[in-house]
Amino acid sequence: MQAEFRLHGDTHAAREGSGLNGLATEKHFTPIEVAERWGLSPSKVRRIFVNEPGVVLIGEPSRRVGKSLKRGYWTMRIPESVVERVHRRLTSRSRRAA
């Protein structure tokens, strides 16, 4: 089965006007790198970013092979601008709650 590539938030309008071409050339982080910087677990970082627009997911979804289910595997890469955007959003929420 061929690997699948997904870019969350990749609509035609987004490709035309939001500078997604710039996302391709900026630094991308793994969930482990973000987790180390933020003092979180890699699984928590994956949950935070999995549906975030601009995050790159490369892999294969789960599928049936005979009677068994073959587990899907995904590689996540998070562009620097997405990390900054989510960090701003999370820190602004914590300031409002205080």
PDB file of N, CA and C in Angstrom:
ATOM      1  N   MET A   1       0.850  -1.177   0.000  1.00  0.00           N
ATOM      2  CA  MET A   1       0.000   0.000   0.000  1.00  0.00           C
ATOM      3  C   MET A   1       0.894   1.238   0.000  1.00  0.00           C
ATOM      4  N   GLN A   2       0.534   2.235  -0.781  1.00  0.00           N
ATOM      5  CA  GLN A   2       1.331   3.445  -0.915  1.00  0.00           C
ATOM      6  C   GLN A   2       1.096   4.397   0.255  1.00  0.00           C
ATOM      7  N   ALA A   3       2.154   5.072   0.675  1.00  0.00           N
ATOM      8  CA  ALA A   3       2.052   6.027   1.781  1.00  0.00           C
ATOM      9  C   ALA A   3       1.176   7.198   1.378  1.00  0.00           C
ATOM     10  N   GLU A   4       0.510   7.748   2.346  1.00  0.00           N
ATOM     11  CA  GLU A   4      -0.393   8.873   2.136  1.00  0.00           C
ATOM     12  C   GLU A   4       0.233  10.127   2.745  1.00  0.00           C
ATOM     13  N   PHE A   5      -0.014  11.266   2.126  1.00  0.00           N
ATOM     14  CA  PHE A   5       0.504  12.540   2.596  1.00  0.00           C
ATOM     15  C   PHE A   5      -0.685  13.443   2.866  1.00  0.00           C
ATOM     16  N   ARG A   6      -0.734  14.030   4.053  1.00  0.00           N
ATOM     17  CA  ARG A   6      -1.821  14.946   4.389  1.00  0.00           C
ATOM     18  C   ARG A   6      -1.264  16.230   4.961  1.00  0.00           C
ATOM     19  N   LEU A   7      -1.819  17.339   4.532  1.00  0.00           N
ATOM     20  CA  LEU A   7      -1.498  18.632   5.111  1.00  0.00           C
ATOM     21  C   LEU A   7      -2.802  19.190   5.621  1.00  0.00           C
ATOM     22  N   HIS A   8      -2.967  19.228   6.942  1.00  0.00           N
ATOM     23  CA  HIS A   8      -4.225  19.710   7.510  1.00  0.00           C
ATOM     24  C   HIS A   8      -4.453  21.159   7.134  1.00  0.00           C
ATOM     25  N   GLY A   9      -5.716  21.484   6.797  1.00  0.00           N
ATOM     26  CA  GLY A   9      -6.074  22.839   6.419  1.00  0.00           C
ATOM     27  C   GLY A   9      -5.710  23.157   4.981  1.00  0.00           C
ATOM     28  N   ASP A  10      -5.408  22.144   4.181  1.00  0.00           N
ATOM     29  CA  ASP A  10      -4.966  22.344   2.805  1.00  0.00           C
ATOM     30  C   ASP A  10      -6.166  22.430   1.868  1.00  0.00           C
ATOM     31  N   THR A  11      -6.815  23.572   1.849  1.00  0.00           N
ATOM     32  CA  THR A  11      -7.901  23.811   0.907  1.00  0.00           C
ATOM     33  C   THR A  11      -7.372  24.664  -0.230  1.00  0.00           C
ATOM     34  N   HIS A  12      -8.116  24.734  -1.323  1.00  0.00           N
ATOM     35  CA  HIS A  12      -7.672  25.527  -2.471  1.00  0.00           C
ATOM     36  C   HIS A  12      -7.459  26.987  -2.066  1.00  0.00           C
ATOM     37  N   ALA A  13      -8.371  27.536  -1.281  1.00  0.00           N
ATOM     38  CA  ALA A  13      -8.234  28.931  -0.848  1.00  0.00           C
ATOM     39  C   ALA A  13      -6.993  29.117   0.010  1.00  0.00           C
ATOM     40  N   ALA A  14      -6.721  28.139   0.874  1.00  0.00           N
ATOM     41  CA  ALA A  14      -5.546  28.239   1.735  1.00  0.00           C
ATOM     42  C   ALA A  14      -4.265  28.195   0.903  1.00  0.00           C
ATOM     43  N   ARG A  15      -4.233  27.320  -0.120  1.00  0.00           N
ATOM     44  CA  ARG A  15      -3.038  27.230  -0.960  1.00  0.00           C
ATOM     45  C   ARG A  15      -2.804  28.524  -1.717  1.00  0.00           C
ATOM     46  N   GLU A  16      -3.857  29.173  -2.153  1.00  0.00           N
ATOM     47  CA  GLU A  16      -3.725  30.377  -2.957  1.00  0.00           C
ATOM     48  C   GLU A  16      -3.252  31.574  -2.145  1.00  0.00           C
ATOM     49  N   GLY A  17      -3.782  31.760  -0.931  1.00  0.00           N
ATOM     50  CA  GLY A  17      -3.534  33.022  -0.271  1.00  0.00           C
ATOM     51  C   GLY A  17      -2.774  33.013   1.035  1.00  0.00           C
ATOM     52  N   SER A  18      -2.498  31.865   1.628  1.00  0.00           N
ATOM     53  CA  SER A  18      -1.956  31.902   2.983  1.00  0.00           C
ATOM     54  C   SER A  18      -0.455  31.686   3.063  1.00  0.00           C
ATOM     55  N   GLY A  19       0.202  31.492   1.952  1.00  0.00           N
ATOM     56  CA  GLY A  19       1.638  31.301   1.995  1.00  0.00           C
ATOM     57  C   GLY A  19       2.044  29.899   2.400  1.00  0.00           C
ATOM     58  N   LEU A  20       1.265  28.881   2.041  1.00  0.00           N
ATOM     59  CA  LEU A  20       1.656  27.512   2.373  1.00  0.00           C
ATOM     60  C   LEU A  20       2.961  27.136   1.692  1.00  0.00           C
ATOM     61  N   ASN A  21       3.308  27.813   0.602  1.00  0.00           N
ATOM     62  CA  ASN A  21       4.603  27.556  -0.017  1.00  0.00           C
ATOM     63  C   ASN A  21       5.716  27.888   0.960  1.00  0.00           C
ATOM     64  N   GLY A  22       5.538  28.919   1.789  1.00  0.00           N
ATOM     65  CA  GLY A  22       6.523  29.276   2.801  1.00  0.00           C
ATOM     66  C   GLY A  22       6.670  28.201   3.860  1.00  0.00           C
ATOM     67  N   LEU A  23       5.596  27.454   4.124  1.00  0.00           N
ATOM     68  CA  LEU A  23       5.662  26.375   5.105  1.00  0.00           C
ATOM     69  C   LEU A  23       6.663  25.310   4.682  1.00  0.00           C
ATOM     70  N   ALA A  24       6.790  25.097   3.386  1.00  0.00           N
ATOM     71  CA  ALA A  24       7.681  24.046   2.888  1.00  0.00           C
ATOM     72  C   ALA A  24       9.145  24.367   3.151  1.00  0.00           C
ATOM     73  N   THR A  25       9.501  25.639   3.238  1.00  0.00           N
ATOM     74  CA  THR A  25      10.907  26.014   3.385  1.00  0.00           C
ATOM     75  C   THR A  25      11.304  26.328   4.826  1.00  0.00           C
ATOM     76  N   GLU A  26      10.333  26.453   5.736  1.00  0.00           N
ATOM     77  CA  GLU A  26      10.705  26.752   7.118  1.00  0.00           C
ATOM     78  C   GLU A  26      11.054  25.485   7.883  1.00  0.00           C
ATOM     79  N   LYS A  27      11.667  25.648   9.049  1.00  0.00           N
ATOM     80  CA  LYS A  27      12.058  24.512   9.884  1.00  0.00           C
ATOM     81  C   LYS A  27      10.815  23.775  10.361  1.00  0.00           C
ATOM     82  N   HIS A  28      10.878  22.451  10.328  1.00  0.00           N
ATOM     83  CA  HIS A  28       9.808  21.593  10.827  1.00  0.00           C
ATOM     84  C   HIS A  28      10.333  20.812  12.026  1.00  0.00           C
ATOM     85  N   PHE A  29       9.495  20.663  13.047  1.00  0.00           N
ATOM     86  CA  PHE A  29       9.865  19.976  14.270  1.00  0.00           C
ATOM     87  C   PHE A  29       9.122  18.648  14.382  1.00  0.00           C
ATOM     88  N   THR A  30       9.739  17.686  15.050  1.00  0.00           N
ATOM     89  CA  THR A  30       9.056  16.448  15.404  1.00  0.00           C
ATOM     90  C   THR A  30       8.294  16.694  16.711  1.00  0.00           C
ATOM     91  N   PRO A  31       7.310  15.853  17.020  1.00  0.00           N
ATOM     92  CA  PRO A  31       6.636  15.990  18.316  1.00  0.00           C
ATOM     93  C   PRO A  31       7.600  15.866  19.501  1.00  0.00           C
ATOM     94  N   ILE A  32       8.647  15.055  19.362  1.00  0.00           N
ATOM     95  CA  ILE A  32       9.626  14.906  20.446  1.00  0.00           C
ATOM     96  C   ILE A  32      10.376  16.213  20.678  1.00  0.00           C
ATOM     97  N   GLU A  33      10.763  16.901  19.594  1.00  0.00           N
ATOM     98  CA  GLU A  33      11.474  18.179  19.741  1.00  0.00           C
ATOM     99  C   GLU A  33      10.605  19.231  20.423  1.00  0.00           C
ATOM    100  N   VAL A  34       9.338  19.312  20.032  1.00  0.00           N
ATOM    101  CA  VAL A  34       8.428  20.277  20.660  1.00  0.00           C
ATOM    102  C   VAL A  34       8.205  19.900  22.114  1.00  0.00           C
ATOM    103  N   ALA A  35       8.050  18.596  22.387  1.00  0.00           N
ATOM    104  CA  ALA A  35       7.828  18.134  23.762  1.00  0.00           C
ATOM    105  C   ALA A  35       8.997  18.503  24.667  1.00  0.00           C
ATOM    106  N   GLU A  36      10.217  18.358  24.166  1.00  0.00           N
ATOM    107  CA  GLU A  36      11.390  18.716  24.968  1.00  0.00           C
ATOM    108  C   GLU A  36      11.421  20.211  25.265  1.00  0.00           C
ATOM    109  N   ARG A  37      11.087  21.035  24.282  1.00  0.00           N
ATOM    110  CA  ARG A  37      11.096  22.493  24.476  1.00  0.00           C
ATOM    111  C   ARG A  37       9.994  22.954  25.415  1.00  0.00           C
ATOM    112  N   TRP A  38       8.835  22.300  25.348  1.00  0.00           N
ATOM    113  CA  TRP A  38       7.690  22.726  26.140  1.00  0.00           C
ATOM    114  C   TRP A  38       7.549  21.977  27.456  1.00  0.00           C
ATOM    115  N   GLY A  39       8.360  20.957  27.690  1.00  0.00           N
ATOM    116  CA  GLY A  39       8.266  20.179  28.919  1.00  0.00           C
ATOM    117  C   GLY A  39       7.022  19.316  28.996  1.00  0.00           C
ATOM    118  N   LEU A  40       6.606  18.780  27.857  1.00  0.00           N
ATOM    119  CA  LEU A  40       5.427  17.914  27.772  1.00  0.00           C
ATOM    120  C   LEU A  40       5.843  16.552  27.241  1.00  0.00           C
ATOM    121  N   SER A  41       4.911  15.605  27.269  1.00  0.00           N
ATOM    122  CA  SER A  41       5.183  14.300  26.666  1.00  0.00           C
ATOM    123  C   SER A  41       4.950  14.383  25.157  1.00  0.00           C
ATOM    124  N   PRO A  42       5.648  13.574  24.372  1.00  0.00           N
ATOM    125  CA  PRO A  42       5.418  13.563  22.927  1.00  0.00           C
ATOM    126  C   PRO A  42       3.976  13.208  22.560  1.00  0.00           C
ATOM    127  N   SER A  43       3.331  12.332  23.340  1.00  0.00           N
ATOM    128  CA  SER A  43       1.943  11.977  23.026  1.00  0.00           C
ATOM    129  C   SER A  43       1.009  13.170  23.232  1.00  0.00           C
ATOM    130  N   LYS A  44       1.273  13.986  24.251  1.00  0.00           N
ATOM    131  CA  LYS A  44       0.462  15.194  24.476  1.00  0.00           C
ATOM    132  C   LYS A  44       0.645  16.170  23.315  1.00  0.00           C
ATOM    133  N   VAL A  45       1.878  16.329  22.844  1.00  0.00           N
ATOM    134  CA  VAL A  45       2.149  17.223  21.720  1.00  0.00           C
ATOM    135  C   VAL A  45       1.419  16.725  20.473  1.00  0.00           C
ATOM    136  N   ARG A  46       1.443  15.406  20.235  1.00  0.00           N
ATOM    137  CA  ARG A  46       0.719  14.859  19.081  1.00  0.00           C
ATOM    138  C   ARG A  46      -0.766  15.170  19.162  1.00  0.00           C
ATOM    139  N   ARG A  47      -1.348  15.035  20.357  1.00  0.00           N
ATOM    140  CA  ARG A  47      -2.783  15.335  20.521  1.00  0.00           C
ATOM    141  C   ARG A  47      -3.069  16.815  20.287  1.00  0.00           C
ATOM    142  N   ILE A  48      -2.169  17.694  20.720  1.00  0.00           N
ATOM    143  CA  ILE A  48      -2.365  19.135  20.526  1.00  0.00           C
ATOM    144  C   ILE A  48      -2.344  19.485  19.037  1.00  0.00           C
ATOM    145  N   PHE A  49      -1.420  18.872  18.278  1.00  0.00           N
ATOM    146  CA  PHE A  49      -1.184  19.293  16.904  1.00  0.00           C
ATOM    147  C   PHE A  49      -1.856  18.448  15.819  1.00  0.00           C
ATOM    148  N   VAL A  50      -2.472  17.331  16.144  1.00  0.00           N
ATOM    149  CA  VAL A  50      -2.938  16.401  15.113  1.00  0.00           C
ATOM    150  C   VAL A  50      -3.943  17.030  14.138  1.00  0.00           C
ATOM    151  N   ASN A  51      -4.795  17.920  14.574  1.00  0.00           N
ATOM    152  CA  ASN A  51      -5.778  18.542  13.680  1.00  0.00           C
ATOM    153  C   ASN A  51      -5.474  20.008  13.396  1.00  0.00           C
ATOM    154  N   GLU A  52      -4.281  20.422  13.692  1.00  0.00           N
ATOM    155  CA  GLU A  52      -3.885  21.828  13.511  1.00  0.00           C
ATOM    156  C   GLU A  52      -3.563  22.091  12.035  1.00  0.00           C
ATOM    157  N   PRO A  53      -4.135  23.141  11.440  1.00  0.00           N
ATOM    158  CA  PRO A  53      -3.838  23.470  10.041  1.00  0.00           C
ATOM    159  C   PRO A  53      -2.342  23.712   9.832  1.00  0.00           C
ATOM    160  N   GLY A  54      -1.801  23.127   8.765  1.00  0.00           N
ATOM    161  CA  GLY A  54      -0.404  23.296   8.408  1.00  0.00           C
ATOM    162  C   GLY A  54       0.502  22.157   8.852  1.00  0.00           C
ATOM    163  N   VAL A  55       0.029  21.282   9.749  1.00  0.00           N
ATOM    164  CA  VAL A  55       0.838  20.156  10.218  1.00  0.00           C
ATOM    165  C   VAL A  55       0.875  19.087   9.126  1.00  0.00           C
ATOM    166  N   VAL A  56       2.054  18.529   8.902  1.00  0.00           N
ATOM    167  CA  VAL A  56       2.249  17.522   7.860  1.00  0.00           C
ATOM    168  C   VAL A  56       2.183  16.138   8.489  1.00  0.00           C
ATOM    169  N   LEU A  57       1.315  15.280   7.940  1.00  0.00           N
ATOM    170  CA  LEU A  57       1.215  13.883   8.368  1.00  0.00           C
ATOM    171  C   LEU A  57       1.552  13.002   7.171  1.00  0.00           C
ATOM    172  N   ILE A  58       2.531  12.127   7.344  1.00  0.00           N
ATOM    173  CA  ILE A  58       2.939  11.214   6.274  1.00  0.00           C
ATOM    174  C   ILE A  58       2.820   9.803   6.826  1.00  0.00           C
ATOM    175  N   GLY A  59       2.127   8.928   6.101  1.00  0.00           N
ATOM    176  CA  GLY A  59       2.011   7.554   6.582  1.00  0.00           C
ATOM    177  C   GLY A  59       0.895   6.808   5.926  1.00  0.00           C
ATOM    178  N   GLU A  60       0.439   5.778   6.609  1.00  0.00           N
ATOM    179  CA  GLU A  60      -0.613   4.919   6.103  1.00  0.00           C
ATOM    180  C   GLU A  60      -1.693   4.744   7.161  1.00  0.00           C
ATOM    181  N   PRO A  61      -2.968   4.860   6.749  1.00  0.00           N
ATOM    182  CA  PRO A  61      -4.046   4.633   7.710  1.00  0.00           C
ATOM    183  C   PRO A  61      -4.163   3.142   8.053  1.00  0.00           C
ATOM    184  N   SER A  62      -4.890   2.845   9.115  1.00  0.00           N
ATOM    185  CA  SER A  62      -5.151   1.449   9.470  1.00  0.00           C
ATOM    186  C   SER A  62      -5.942   0.796   8.345  1.00  0.00           C
ATOM    187  N   ARG A  63      -5.723  -0.529   8.163  1.00  0.00           N
ATOM    188  CA  ARG A  63      -6.440  -1.231   7.105  1.00  0.00           C
ATOM    189  C   ARG A  63      -6.597  -2.698   7.491  1.00  0.00           C
ATOM    190  N   ARG A  64      -7.567  -3.332   6.886  1.00  0.00           N
ATOM    191  CA  ARG A  64      -7.806  -4.763   7.106  1.00  0.00           C
ATOM    192  C   ARG A  64      -6.893  -5.582   6.212  1.00  0.00           C
ATOM    193  N   VAL A  65      -6.281  -6.606   6.795  1.00  0.00           N
ATOM    194  CA  VAL A  65      -5.496  -7.583   6.051  1.00  0.00           C
ATOM    195  C   VAL A  65      -6.050  -8.940   6.452  1.00  0.00           C
ATOM    196  N   GLY A  66      -6.905  -9.484   5.602  1.00  0.00           N
ATOM    197  CA  GLY A  66      -7.605 -10.715   5.979  1.00  0.00           C
ATOM    198  C   GLY A  66      -8.541 -10.433   7.131  1.00  0.00           C
ATOM    199  N   LYS A  67      -8.399 -11.207   8.198  1.00  0.00           N
ATOM    200  CA  LYS A  67      -9.265 -11.006   9.364  1.00  0.00           C
ATOM    201  C   LYS A  67      -8.663 -10.061  10.393  1.00  0.00           C
ATOM    202  N   SER A  68      -7.400  -9.711  10.202  1.00  0.00           N
ATOM    203  CA  SER A  68      -6.752  -8.847  11.196  1.00  0.00           C
ATOM    204  C   SER A  68      -6.705  -7.397  10.715  1.00  0.00           C
ATOM    205  N   LEU A  69      -6.478  -6.511  11.659  1.00  0.00           N
ATOM    206  CA  LEU A  69      -6.380  -5.082  11.373  1.00  0.00           C
ATOM    207  C   LEU A  69      -4.912  -4.687  11.419  1.00  0.00           C
ATOM    208  N   LYS A  70      -4.431  -4.114  10.333  1.00  0.00           N
ATOM    209  CA  LYS A  70      -3.046  -3.648  10.255  1.00  0.00           C
ATOM    210  C   LYS A  70      -3.003  -2.228  10.792  1.00  0.00           C
ATOM    211  N   ARG A  71      -2.194  -2.004  11.820  1.00  0.00           N
ATOM    212  CA  ARG A  71      -2.101  -0.700  12.471  1.00  0.00           C
ATOM    213  C   ARG A  71      -1.512   0.331  11.524  1.00  0.00           C
ATOM    214  N   GLY A  72      -2.091   1.527  11.521  1.00  0.00           N
ATOM    215  CA  GLY A  72      -1.560   2.622  10.736  1.00  0.00           C
ATOM    216  C   GLY A  72      -0.389   3.286  11.429  1.00  0.00           C
ATOM    217  N   TYR A  73       0.543   3.798  10.667  1.00  0.00           N
ATOM    218  CA  TYR A  73       1.700   4.509  11.208  1.00  0.00           C
ATOM    219  C   TYR A  73       1.773   5.877  10.552  1.00  0.00           C
ATOM    220  N   TRP A  74       2.003   6.910  11.343  1.00  0.00           N
ATOM    221  CA  TRP A  74       2.062   8.280  10.838  1.00  0.00           C
ATOM    222  C   TRP A  74       3.313   8.974  11.357  1.00  0.00           C
ATOM    223  N   THR A  75       3.924   9.753  10.493  1.00  0.00           N
ATOM    224  CA  THR A  75       5.020  10.625  10.875  1.00  0.00           C
ATOM    225  C   THR A  75       4.470  12.040  10.868  1.00  0.00           C
ATOM    226  N   MET A  76       4.708  12.786  11.926  1.00  0.00           N
ATOM    227  CA  MET A  76       4.198  14.153  12.046  1.00  0.00           C
ATOM    228  C   MET A  76       5.368  15.127  12.005  1.00  0.00           C
ATOM    229  N   ARG A  77       5.207  16.183  11.215  1.00  0.00           N
ATOM    230  CA  ARG A  77       6.170  17.285  11.189  1.00  0.00           C
ATOM    231  C   ARG A  77       5.387  18.576  11.379  1.00  0.00           C
ATOM    232  N   ILE A  78       5.891  19.420  12.291  1.00  0.00           N
ATOM    233  CA  ILE A  78       5.172  20.629  12.682  1.00  0.00           C
ATOM    234  C   ILE A  78       6.001  21.843  12.277  1.00  0.00           C
ATOM    235  N   PRO A  79       5.508  22.657  11.327  1.00  0.00           N
ATOM    236  CA  PRO A  79       6.255  23.850  10.915  1.00  0.00           C
ATOM    237  C   PRO A  79       6.428  24.831  12.071  1.00  0.00           C
ATOM    238  N   GLU A  80       7.536  25.555  12.046  1.00  0.00           N
ATOM    239  CA  GLU A  80       7.851  26.513  13.115  1.00  0.00           C
ATOM    240  C   GLU A  80       6.738  27.533  13.312  1.00  0.00           C
ATOM    241  N   SER A  81       6.149  28.021  12.218  1.00  0.00           N
ATOM    242  CA  SER A  81       5.080  29.023  12.341  1.00  0.00           C
ATOM    243  C   SER A  81       3.849  28.441  13.036  1.00  0.00           C
ATOM    244  N   VAL A  82       3.577  27.151  12.842  1.00  0.00           N
ATOM    245  CA  VAL A  82       2.447  26.503  13.511  1.00  0.00           C
ATOM    246  C   VAL A  82       2.743  26.359  15.002  1.00  0.00           C
ATOM    247  N   VAL A  83       3.978  25.992  15.343  1.00  0.00           N
ATOM    248  CA  VAL A  83       4.375  25.899  16.757  1.00  0.00           C
ATOM    249  C   VAL A  83       4.181  27.251  17.432  1.00  0.00           C
ATOM    250  N   GLU A  84       4.621  28.324  16.777  1.00  0.00           N
ATOM    251  CA  GLU A  84       4.480  29.672  17.345  1.00  0.00           C
ATOM    252  C   GLU A  84       3.019  30.062  17.496  1.00  0.00           C
ATOM    253  N   ARG A  85       2.190  29.757  16.484  1.00  0.00           N
ATOM    254  CA  ARG A  85       0.765  30.103  16.535  1.00  0.00           C
ATOM    255  C   ARG A  85       0.072  29.386  17.684  1.00  0.00           C
ATOM    256  N   VAL A  86       0.332  28.084  17.836  1.00  0.00           N
ATOM    257  CA  VAL A  86      -0.311  27.318  18.908  1.00  0.00           C
ATOM    258  C   VAL A  86       0.187  27.801  20.269  1.00  0.00           C
ATOM    259  N   HIS A  87       1.464  28.100  20.374  1.00  0.00           N
ATOM    260  CA  HIS A  87       2.008  28.599  21.638  1.00  0.00           C
ATOM    261  C   HIS A  87       1.339  29.914  22.027  1.00  0.00           C
ATOM    262  N   ARG A  88       1.187  30.827  21.069  1.00  0.00           N
ATOM    263  CA  ARG A  88       0.492  32.098  21.350  1.00  0.00           C
ATOM    264  C   ARG A  88      -0.936  31.837  21.812  1.00  0.00           C
ATOM    265  N   ARG A  89      -1.629  30.928  21.128  1.00  0.00           N
ATOM    266  CA  ARG A  89      -3.019  30.632  21.482  1.00  0.00           C
ATOM    267  C   ARG A  89      -3.099  30.028  22.883  1.00  0.00           C
ATOM    268  N   LEU A  90      -2.207  29.101  23.205  1.00  0.00           N
ATOM    269  CA  LEU A  90      -2.245  28.465  24.524  1.00  0.00           C
ATOM    270  C   LEU A  90      -1.869  29.438  25.637  1.00  0.00           C
ATOM    271  N   THR A  91      -0.890  30.301  25.394  1.00  0.00           N
ATOM    272  CA  THR A  91      -0.492  31.243  26.445  1.00  0.00           C
ATOM    273  C   THR A  91      -1.525  32.347  26.621  1.00  0.00           C
ATOM    274  N   SER A  92      -2.217  32.732  25.555  1.00  0.00           N
ATOM    275  CA  SER A  92      -3.251  33.756  25.717  1.00  0.00           C
ATOM    276  C   SER A  92      -4.440  33.195  26.484  1.00  0.00           C
ATOM    277  N   ARG A  93      -4.742  31.908  26.335  1.00  0.00           N
ATOM    278  CA  ARG A  93      -5.810  31.273  27.118  1.00  0.00           C
ATOM    279  C   ARG A  93      -5.451  31.254  28.596  1.00  0.00           C
ATOM    280  N   SER A  94      -4.188  30.949  28.899  1.00  0.00           N
ATOM    281  CA  SER A  94      -3.804  30.861  30.311  1.00  0.00           C
ATOM    282  C   SER A  94      -3.833  32.236  30.958  1.00  0.00           C
ATOM    283  N   ARG A  95      -3.523  33.285  30.212  1.00  0.00           N
ATOM    284  CA  ARG A  95      -3.589  34.655  30.771  1.00  0.00           C
ATOM    285  C   ARG A  95      -5.045  35.048  31.047  1.00  0.00           C
ATOM    286  N   ARG A  96      -5.955  34.662  30.142  1.00  0.00           N
ATOM    287  CA  ARG A  96      -7.371  35.004  30.344  1.00  0.00           C
ATOM    288  C   ARG A  96      -7.946  34.268  31.532  1.00  0.00           C
ATOM    289  N   ALA A  97      -7.468  33.032  31.771  1.00  0.00           N
ATOM    290  CA  ALA A  97      -8.012  32.233  32.876  1.00  0.00           C
ATOM    291  C   ALA A  97      -7.536  32.749  34.229  1.00  0.00           C
ATOM    292  N   ALA A  98      -6.400  33.429  34.258  1.00  0.00           N
ATOM    293  CA  ALA A  98      -5.813  33.895  35.528  1.00  0.00           C
ATOM    294  C   ALA A  98      -6.478  35.134  36.059  1.00  0.00           C
TER     295      ALA A  98
END
